[in-house]
PDB file of N, CA and C in Angstrom:
ATOM      1  N   UNK A   1      -2.888   3.266 -14.415  1.00  0.00           N
ATOM      2  CA  UNK A   1      -1.421   2.186 -14.656  1.00  0.00           C
ATOM      3  C   UNK A   1      -1.877   1.968 -13.385  1.00  0.00           C
ATOM      4  N   UNK A   2      -1.945   1.103 -13.095  1.00  0.00           N
ATOM      5  CA  UNK A   2      -0.997  -0.191 -12.390  1.00  0.00           C
ATOM      6  C   UNK A   2      -0.150  -0.498 -11.674  1.00  0.00           C
ATOM      7  N   UNK A   3      -0.330  -0.464 -10.500  1.00  0.00           N
ATOM      8  CA  UNK A   3       0.866  -0.590  -9.354  1.00  0.00           C
ATOM      9  C   UNK A   3       1.710  -1.778  -9.985  1.00  0.00           C
ATOM     10  N   UNK A   4       1.277  -3.463 -10.136  1.00  0.00           N
ATOM     11  CA  UNK A   4       2.464  -3.550 -10.843  1.00  0.00           C
ATOM     12  C   UNK A   4       3.187  -3.913 -11.924  1.00  0.00           C
ATOM     13  N   UNK A   5       2.720  -2.709 -13.578  1.00  0.00           N
ATOM     14  CA  UNK A   5       3.415  -1.874 -14.105  1.00  0.00           C
ATOM     15  C   UNK A   5       4.591  -1.305 -14.238  1.00  0.00           C
ATOM     16  N   UNK A   6       3.629  -0.681 -13.184  1.00  0.00           N
ATOM     17  CA  UNK A   6       4.919   0.567 -12.702  1.00  0.00           C
ATOM     18  C   UNK A   6       6.196   0.159 -12.382  1.00  0.00           C
ATOM     19  N   UNK A   7       6.445  -1.071 -11.206  1.00  0.00           N
ATOM     20  CA  UNK A   7       6.505  -2.144 -11.133  1.00  0.00           C
ATOM     21  C   UNK A   7       8.302  -2.262 -11.677  1.00  0.00           C
ATOM     22  N   UNK A   8       7.009  -3.002 -12.439  1.00  0.00           N
ATOM     23  CA  UNK A   8       7.940  -3.799 -13.617  1.00  0.00           C
ATOM     24  C   UNK A   8       8.534  -2.757 -14.681  1.00  0.00           C
ATOM     25  N   UNK A   9       8.512  -2.084 -15.079  1.00  0.00           N
ATOM     26  CA  UNK A   9       9.009  -0.660 -16.084  1.00  0.00           C
ATOM     27  C   UNK A   9      10.647  -0.975 -15.755  1.00  0.00           C
ATOM     28  N   UNK A  10      10.800  -0.564 -15.190  1.00  0.00           N
ATOM     29  CA  UNK A  10      12.075  -0.647 -14.361  1.00  0.00           C
ATOM     30  C   UNK A  10      13.148  -1.623 -14.895  1.00  0.00           C
ATOM     31  N   UNK A  11      12.842  -2.648 -14.453  1.00  0.00           N
ATOM     32  CA  UNK A  11      13.839  -3.710 -14.795  1.00  0.00           C
ATOM     33  C   UNK A  11      13.428  -4.744 -16.327  1.00  0.00           C
ATOM     34  N   UNK A  12      12.278  -3.745 -16.283  1.00  0.00           N
ATOM     35  CA  UNK A  12      11.909  -5.076 -17.617  1.00  0.00           C
ATOM     36  C   UNK A  12      13.129  -4.320 -19.025  1.00  0.00           C
ATOM     37  N   UNK A  13      13.403  -2.790 -18.377  1.00  0.00           N
ATOM     38  CA  UNK A  13      13.892  -1.852 -19.418  1.00  0.00           C
ATOM     39  C   UNK A  13      14.951  -2.785 -19.758  1.00  0.00           C
ATOM     40  N   UNK A  14      16.136  -3.217 -18.427  1.00  0.00           N
ATOM     41  CA  UNK A  14      17.448  -2.902 -18.635  1.00  0.00           C
ATOM     42  C   UNK A  14      17.342  -4.945 -19.258  1.00  0.00           C
ATOM     43  N   UNK A  15      16.674  -5.291 -18.493  1.00  0.00           N
ATOM     44  CA  UNK A  15      16.402  -6.429 -19.130  1.00  0.00           C
ATOM     45  C   UNK A  15      16.546  -6.375 -21.804  1.00  0.00           C
ATOM     46  N   UNK A  16      15.629  -5.406 -21.782  1.00  0.00           N
ATOM     47  CA  UNK A  16      15.974  -5.213 -23.011  1.00  0.00           C
ATOM     48  C   UNK A  16      16.985  -4.316 -23.245  1.00  0.00           C
ATOM     49  N   UNK A  17      17.665  -4.233 -22.734  1.00  0.00           N
ATOM     50  CA  UNK A  17      18.728  -3.100 -23.329  1.00  0.00           C
ATOM     51  C   UNK A  17      19.119  -2.706 -24.318  1.00  0.00           C
ATOM     52  N   UNK A  18      18.715  -3.841 -25.274  1.00  0.00           N
ATOM     53  CA  UNK A  18      19.302  -4.356 -26.861  1.00  0.00           C
ATOM     54  C   UNK A  18      18.861  -3.617 -27.422  1.00  0.00           C
ATOM     55  N   UNK A  19      17.388  -3.439 -27.065  1.00  0.00           N
ATOM     56  CA  UNK A  19      16.395  -2.196 -28.063  1.00  0.00           C
ATOM     57  C   UNK A  19      16.254  -1.127 -27.459  1.00  0.00           C
ATOM     58  N   UNK A  20      16.401  -0.182 -27.094  1.00  0.00           N
ATOM     59  CA  UNK A  20      15.884   0.795 -25.766  1.00  0.00           C
ATOM     60  C   UNK A  20      17.203   1.999 -25.817  1.00  0.00           C
ATOM     61  N   UNK A  21      16.812   3.489 -25.960  1.00  0.00           N
ATOM     62  CA  UNK A  21      18.244   4.334 -26.249  1.00  0.00           C
ATOM     63  C   UNK A  21      18.738   3.972 -25.062  1.00  0.00           C
ATOM     64  N   UNK A  22      20.234   4.639 -25.248  1.00  0.00           N
ATOM     65  CA  UNK A  22      20.914   4.502 -24.031  1.00  0.00           C
ATOM     66  C   UNK A  22      20.765   5.500 -22.599  1.00  0.00           C
ATOM     67  N   UNK A  23      19.502   6.812 -23.381  1.00  0.00           N
ATOM     68  CA  UNK A  23      19.122   6.918 -21.875  1.00  0.00           C
ATOM     69  C   UNK A  23      18.334   5.939 -21.190  1.00  0.00           C
ATOM     70  N   UNK A  24      17.526   5.414 -22.092  1.00  0.00           N
ATOM     71  CA  UNK A  24      16.660   4.544 -20.977  1.00  0.00           C
ATOM     72  C   UNK A  24      16.938   3.924 -20.245  1.00  0.00           C
ATOM     73  N   UNK A  25      18.321   3.417 -20.483  1.00  0.00           N
ATOM     74  CA  UNK A  25      19.229   2.396 -19.878  1.00  0.00           C
ATOM     75  C   UNK A  25      19.747   2.800 -18.347  1.00  0.00           C
ATOM     76  N   UNK A  26      19.642   3.410 -18.638  1.00  0.00           N
ATOM     77  CA  UNK A  26      19.923   5.248 -17.660  1.00  0.00           C
ATOM     78  C   UNK A  26      19.216   5.340 -16.498  1.00  0.00           C
ATOM     79  N   UNK A  27      18.489   4.887 -17.004  1.00  0.00           N
ATOM     80  CA  UNK A  27      16.697   5.973 -16.011  1.00  0.00           C
ATOM     81  C   UNK A  27      16.013   4.637 -15.290  1.00  0.00           C
ATOM     82  N   UNK A  28      16.612   4.007 -16.382  1.00  0.00           N
ATOM     83  CA  UNK A  28      15.840   2.252 -16.220  1.00  0.00           C
ATOM     84  C   UNK A  28      16.729   2.015 -14.793  1.00  0.00           C
ATOM     85  N   UNK A  29      17.592   2.119 -15.141  1.00  0.00           N
ATOM     86  CA  UNK A  29      18.708   1.208 -13.399  1.00  0.00           C
ATOM     87  C   UNK A  29      18.335   2.264 -12.318  1.00  0.00           C
ATOM     88  N   UNK A  30      18.648   3.721 -12.879  1.00  0.00           N
ATOM     89  CA  UNK A  30      18.195   4.054 -11.609  1.00  0.00           C
ATOM     90  C   UNK A  30      17.374   4.014 -11.368  1.00  0.00           C
ATOM     91  N   UNK A  31      15.947   3.909 -11.957  1.00  0.00           N
ATOM     92  CA  UNK A  31      14.893   3.340 -10.983  1.00  0.00           C
ATOM     93  C   UNK A  31      14.605   2.478 -10.606  1.00  0.00           C
ATOM     94  N   UNK A  32      15.109   1.391 -11.425  1.00  0.00           N
ATOM     95  CA  UNK A  32      15.685   0.272 -10.597  1.00  0.00           C
ATOM     96  C   UNK A  32      16.516   0.306  -8.779  1.00  0.00           C
ATOM     97  N   UNK A  33      17.018   0.477  -9.246  1.00  0.00           N
ATOM     98  CA  UNK A  33      17.866   0.826  -7.945  1.00  0.00           C
ATOM     99  C   UNK A  33      17.766   1.167  -6.877  1.00  0.00           C
ATOM    100  N   UNK A  34      16.536   2.788  -7.521  1.00  0.00           N
ATOM    101  CA  UNK A  34      15.781   2.948  -5.630  1.00  0.00           C
ATOM    102  C   UNK A  34      14.305   2.566  -5.512  1.00  0.00           C
ATOM    103  N   UNK A  35      13.718   1.575  -6.610  1.00  0.00           N
ATOM    104  CA  UNK A  35      12.893   0.541  -6.407  1.00  0.00           C
ATOM    105  C   UNK A  35      13.097  -0.549  -4.907  1.00  0.00           C
ATOM    106  N   UNK A  36      14.710  -1.047  -5.363  1.00  0.00           N
ATOM    107  CA  UNK A  36      15.103  -1.491  -5.063  1.00  0.00           C
ATOM    108  C   UNK A  36      15.570  -0.975  -3.294  1.00  0.00           C
ATOM    109  N   UNK A  37      15.518   0.172  -3.500  1.00  0.00           N
ATOM    110  CA  UNK A  37      16.410   1.409  -2.129  1.00  0.00           C
ATOM    111  C   UNK A  37      15.394   0.850  -1.395  1.00  0.00           C
ATOM    112  N   UNK A  38      13.875   1.564  -1.934  1.00  0.00           N
ATOM    113  CA  UNK A  38      12.757   1.798  -1.033  1.00  0.00           C
ATOM    114  C   UNK A  38      12.645   0.303  -0.329  1.00  0.00           C
ATOM    115  N   UNK A  39      12.004  -0.659  -1.376  1.00  0.00           N
ATOM    116  CA  UNK A  39      12.234  -2.175  -0.701  1.00  0.00           C
ATOM    117  C   UNK A  39      12.766  -2.680  -0.486  1.00  0.00           C
ATOM    118  N   UNK A  40      13.690  -2.155   0.093  1.00  0.00           N
ATOM    119  CA  UNK A  40      15.233  -2.698   1.213  1.00  0.00           C
ATOM    120  C   UNK A  40      15.193  -1.601   2.359  1.00  0.00           C
ATOM    121  N   UNK A  41      15.096  -0.626   2.542  1.00  0.00           N
ATOM    122  CA  UNK A  41      14.507   0.444   4.206  1.00  0.00           C
ATOM    123  C   UNK A  41      13.166   0.125   4.677  1.00  0.00           C
ATOM    124  N   UNK A  42      11.973  -0.767   3.732  1.00  0.00           N
ATOM    125  CA  UNK A  42      10.456  -1.522   4.014  1.00  0.00           C
ATOM    126  C   UNK A  42      10.809  -2.405   4.192  1.00  0.00           C
ATOM    127  N   UNK A  43      11.701  -3.587   4.370  1.00  0.00           N
ATOM    128  CA  UNK A  43      12.149  -5.078   4.453  1.00  0.00           C
ATOM    129  C   UNK A  43      13.007  -4.675   5.784  1.00  0.00           C
ATOM    130  N   UNK A  44      13.394  -3.379   6.534  1.00  0.00           N
ATOM    131  CA  UNK A  44      14.603  -4.008   7.554  1.00  0.00           C
ATOM    132  C   UNK A  44      13.649  -2.690   8.430  1.00  0.00           C
ATOM    133  N   UNK A  45      13.064  -1.688   8.154  1.00  0.00           N
ATOM    134  CA  UNK A  45      11.857  -1.105   9.002  1.00  0.00           C
ATOM    135  C   UNK A  45      11.366  -2.581   9.315  1.00  0.00           C
ATOM    136  N   UNK A  46      11.057  -2.912   8.812  1.00  0.00           N
ATOM    137  CA  UNK A  46       9.493  -4.357   9.574  1.00  0.00           C
ATOM    138  C   UNK A  46      10.995  -5.822  10.227  1.00  0.00           C
ATOM    139  N   UNK A  47      12.037  -5.846  10.021  1.00  0.00           N
ATOM    140  CA  UNK A  47      12.767  -6.378  11.058  1.00  0.00           C
ATOM    141  C   UNK A  47      12.377  -8.047   9.023  1.00  0.00           C
ATOM    142  N   UNK A  48      12.869  -8.265   8.138  1.00  0.00           N
ATOM    143  CA  UNK A  48      12.317  -8.968   7.635  1.00  0.00           C
ATOM    144  C   UNK A  48      14.696  -8.419   7.175  1.00  0.00           C
ATOM    145  N   UNK A  49      14.379  -9.885   6.650  1.00  0.00           N
ATOM    146  CA  UNK A  49      15.910 -10.203   5.441  1.00  0.00           C
ATOM    147  C   UNK A  49      15.880  -9.084   4.935  1.00  0.00           C
ATOM    148  N   UNK A  50      16.725  -7.771   4.282  1.00  0.00           N
ATOM    149  CA  UNK A  50      16.742  -6.590   3.472  1.00  0.00           C
ATOM    150  C   UNK A  50      16.566  -7.422   2.264  1.00  0.00           C
ATOM    151  N   UNK A  51      17.958  -8.690   1.674  1.00  0.00           N
ATOM    152  CA  UNK A  51      17.853  -9.470   0.426  1.00  0.00           C
ATOM    153  C   UNK A  51      16.392  -9.764   0.312  1.00  0.00           C
ATOM    154  N   UNK A  52      15.353  -9.762   1.014  1.00  0.00           N
ATOM    155  CA  UNK A  52      13.919 -10.069   0.205  1.00  0.00           C
ATOM    156  C   UNK A  52      13.842  -8.831  -0.801  1.00  0.00           C
ATOM    157  N   UNK A  53      14.413  -7.814  -0.892  1.00  0.00           N
ATOM    158  CA  UNK A  53      13.818  -6.265  -1.923  1.00  0.00           C
ATOM    159  C   UNK A  53      14.122  -7.220  -3.705  1.00  0.00           C
ATOM    160  N   UNK A  54      15.679  -7.935  -3.482  1.00  0.00           N
ATOM    161  CA  UNK A  54      15.814  -8.321  -4.833  1.00  0.00           C
ATOM    162  C   UNK A  54      15.040  -8.856  -5.533  1.00  0.00           C
ATOM    163  N   UNK A  55      13.404  -9.099  -4.961  1.00  0.00           N
ATOM    164  CA  UNK A  55      12.334 -10.462  -4.743  1.00  0.00           C
ATOM    165  C   UNK A  55      11.504  -9.467  -5.720  1.00  0.00           C
ATOM    166  N   UNK A  56      11.375  -8.047  -5.666  1.00  0.00           N
ATOM    167  CA  UNK A  56      10.869  -7.351  -5.484  1.00  0.00           C
ATOM    168  C   UNK A  56       9.849  -7.701  -7.341  1.00  0.00           C
ATOM    169  N   UNK A  57      10.011  -7.812  -8.982  1.00  0.00           N
ATOM    170  CA  UNK A  57       9.734  -7.834  -9.913  1.00  0.00           C
ATOM    171  C   UNK A  57       9.248  -8.917  -9.721  1.00  0.00           C
ATOM    172  N   UNK A  58       9.833 -10.133  -9.171  1.00  0.00           N
ATOM    173  CA  UNK A  58       8.760 -11.195  -8.567  1.00  0.00           C
ATOM    174  C   UNK A  58       7.347 -11.318  -8.409  1.00  0.00           C
ATOM    175  N   UNK A  59       7.169 -10.063  -7.274  1.00  0.00           N
ATOM    176  CA  UNK A  59       6.365  -9.939  -6.787  1.00  0.00           C
ATOM    177  C   UNK A  59       5.585  -9.722  -7.996  1.00  0.00           C
ATOM    178  N   UNK A  60       5.684  -8.362  -8.264  1.00  0.00           N
ATOM    179  CA  UNK A  60       4.928  -7.137  -9.231  1.00  0.00           C
ATOM    180  C   UNK A  60       5.144  -8.468 -10.503  1.00  0.00           C
ATOM    181  N   UNK A  61       5.748  -9.179 -11.072  1.00  0.00           N
ATOM    182  CA  UNK A  61       5.408  -9.407 -12.061  1.00  0.00           C
ATOM    183  C   UNK A  61       3.967 -11.036 -12.157  1.00  0.00           C
ATOM    184  N   UNK A  62       3.729 -11.274 -10.119  1.00  0.00           N
ATOM    185  CA  UNK A  62       2.265 -11.776 -10.025  1.00  0.00           C
ATOM    186  C   UNK A  62       1.423 -12.063  -9.777  1.00  0.00           C
ATOM    187  N   UNK A  63       1.335 -10.606  -9.885  1.00  0.00           N
ATOM    188  CA  UNK A  63       0.731  -9.301  -9.542  1.00  0.00           C
ATOM    189  C   UNK A  63       0.193  -9.150 -11.329  1.00  0.00           C
ATOM    190  N   UNK A  64       0.796  -9.008 -12.126  1.00  0.00           N
ATOM    191  CA  UNK A  64       0.748  -8.214 -13.238  1.00  0.00           C
ATOM    192  C   UNK A  64      -0.174  -9.553 -13.612  1.00  0.00           C
ATOM    193  N   UNK A  65      -0.035 -10.494 -13.460  1.00  0.00           N
ATOM    194  CA  UNK A  65      -0.334 -12.413 -14.589  1.00  0.00           C
ATOM    195  C   UNK A  65      -1.504 -12.322 -13.595  1.00  0.00           C
ATOM    196  N   UNK A  66      -1.995 -12.344 -12.345  1.00  0.00           N
ATOM    197  CA  UNK A  66      -2.895 -12.243 -11.824  1.00  0.00           C
ATOM    198  C   UNK A  66      -4.185 -11.205 -11.995  1.00  0.00           C
ATOM    199  N   UNK A  67      -3.171  -9.717 -12.618  1.00  0.00           N
ATOM    200  CA  UNK A  67      -4.428  -8.808 -13.088  1.00  0.00           C
ATOM    201  C   UNK A  67      -5.506  -8.843 -14.732  1.00  0.00           C
ATOM    202  N   UNK A  68      -3.935  -9.319 -15.202  1.00  0.00           N
ATOM    203  CA  UNK A  68      -4.499  -9.315 -16.700  1.00  0.00           C
ATOM    204  C   UNK A  68      -5.301 -11.559 -16.755  1.00  0.00           C
ATOM    205  N   UNK A  69      -5.017 -12.154 -16.078  1.00  0.00           N
ATOM    206  CA  UNK A  69      -5.954 -12.826 -15.745  1.00  0.00           C
ATOM    207  C   UNK A  69      -7.629 -12.668 -16.090  1.00  0.00           C
ATOM    208  N   UNK A  70      -7.624 -12.208 -14.507  1.00  0.00           N
ATOM    209  CA  UNK A  70      -8.401 -11.438 -14.653  1.00  0.00           C
ATOM    210  C   UNK A  70      -9.865 -10.074 -15.711  1.00  0.00           C
ATOM    211  N   UNK A  71      -9.413  -9.293 -15.861  1.00  0.00           N
ATOM    212  CA  UNK A  71      -9.626  -9.277 -17.540  1.00  0.00           C
ATOM    213  C   UNK A  71      -9.818 -10.125 -18.405  1.00  0.00           C
ATOM    214  N   UNK A  72      -8.540 -10.354 -18.783  1.00  0.00           N
ATOM    215  CA  UNK A  72      -9.381 -11.816 -20.006  1.00  0.00           C
ATOM    216  C   UNK A  72     -10.534 -12.413 -19.397  1.00  0.00           C
ATOM    217  N   UNK A  73     -10.326 -12.894 -18.168  1.00  0.00           N
ATOM    218  CA  UNK A  73     -12.169 -13.567 -17.915  1.00  0.00           C
ATOM    219  C   UNK A  73     -13.223 -13.447 -17.625  1.00  0.00           C
ATOM    220  N   UNK A  74     -13.121 -12.368 -17.497  1.00  0.00           N
ATOM    221  CA  UNK A  74     -13.770 -10.726 -17.658  1.00  0.00           C
ATOM    222  C   UNK A  74     -14.501 -10.882 -16.415  1.00  0.00           C
ATOM    223  N   UNK A  75     -16.506 -11.309 -16.950  1.00  0.00           N
ATOM    224  CA  UNK A  75     -17.374 -11.327 -15.770  1.00  0.00           C
ATOM    225  C   UNK A  75     -17.568 -12.226 -14.913  1.00  0.00           C
ATOM    226  N   UNK A  76     -17.892 -13.146 -16.035  1.00  0.00           N
ATOM    227  CA  UNK A  76     -17.177 -14.666 -15.691  1.00  0.00           C
ATOM    228  C   UNK A  76     -16.560 -15.465 -14.881  1.00  0.00           C
ATOM    229  N   UNK A  77     -17.272 -15.677 -13.609  1.00  0.00           N
ATOM    230  CA  UNK A  77     -16.192 -15.963 -12.145  1.00  0.00           C
ATOM    231  C   UNK A  77     -16.921 -17.587 -11.934  1.00  0.00           C
ATOM    232  N   UNK A  78     -16.024 -18.972 -11.689  1.00  0.00           N
ATOM    233  CA  UNK A  78     -16.330 -20.072 -10.893  1.00  0.00           C
ATOM    234  C   UNK A  78     -16.092 -20.215 -10.104  1.00  0.00           C
ATOM    235  N   UNK A  79     -16.099 -20.897  -9.418  1.00  0.00           N
ATOM    236  CA  UNK A  79     -15.982 -21.132  -7.999  1.00  0.00           C
ATOM    237  C   UNK A  79     -17.279 -22.623  -7.055  1.00  0.00           C
ATOM    238  N   UNK A  80     -15.270 -23.291  -6.954  1.00  0.00           N
ATOM    239  CA  UNK A  80     -16.587 -24.731  -6.761  1.00  0.00           C
ATOM    240  C   UNK A  80     -17.631 -25.269  -8.018  1.00  0.00           C
ATOM    241  N   UNK A  81     -17.442 -25.385  -8.798  1.00  0.00           N
ATOM    242  CA  UNK A  81     -17.477 -26.168  -9.797  1.00  0.00           C
ATOM    243  C   UNK A  81     -18.407 -25.260 -10.590  1.00  0.00           C
ATOM    244  N   UNK A  82     -19.092 -23.820 -10.062  1.00  0.00           N
ATOM    245  CA  UNK A  82     -20.493 -23.289 -10.291  1.00  0.00           C
ATOM    246  C   UNK A  82     -19.636 -21.717 -10.845  1.00  0.00           C
ATOM    247  N   UNK A  83     -20.453 -21.785 -11.968  1.00  0.00           N
ATOM    248  CA  UNK A  83     -20.112 -20.311 -12.496  1.00  0.00           C
ATOM    249  C   UNK A  83     -20.985 -19.271 -12.265  1.00  0.00           C
ATOM    250  N   UNK A  84     -19.884 -17.960 -11.699  1.00  0.00           N
ATOM    251  CA  UNK A  84     -20.884 -17.494 -12.044  1.00  0.00           C
ATOM    252  C   UNK A  84     -20.987 -16.319 -13.201  1.00  0.00           C
ATOM    253  N   UNK A  85     -21.927 -14.904 -12.642  1.00  0.00           N
ATOM    254  CA  UNK A  85     -21.593 -13.958 -13.871  1.00  0.00           C
ATOM    255  C   UNK A  85     -21.643 -12.308 -12.273  1.00  0.00           C
ATOM    256  N   UNK A  86     -20.720 -12.158 -12.516  1.00  0.00           N
ATOM    257  CA  UNK A  86     -19.946 -11.025 -11.611  1.00  0.00           C
ATOM    258  C   UNK A  86     -20.562  -9.842 -11.692  1.00  0.00           C
ATOM    259  N   UNK A  87     -20.588  -8.711 -11.664  1.00  0.00           N
ATOM    260  CA  UNK A  87     -21.731  -7.458 -12.131  1.00  0.00           C
ATOM    261  C   UNK A  87     -20.609  -6.428 -12.324  1.00  0.00           C
TER     262      UNK A  87
END
């Protein structure tokens, strides 16, 4: 399971609260808060604004989008107008 999917699971579950059982909402909220606390600690430790931690779902979503596009593209790679076949 990719890091992007794991990182996005709690916020997505919270967004879809109407479609999941109440226990899932509690666990999703706890996991989201734990992720936010982790990223806040990381940003605090490296001297960056702690508010950046609120954007971690955006970064995880972008990572997942890049990975899915790469999987869909398959072994075909295009670079500067040329196409290559990756091994």
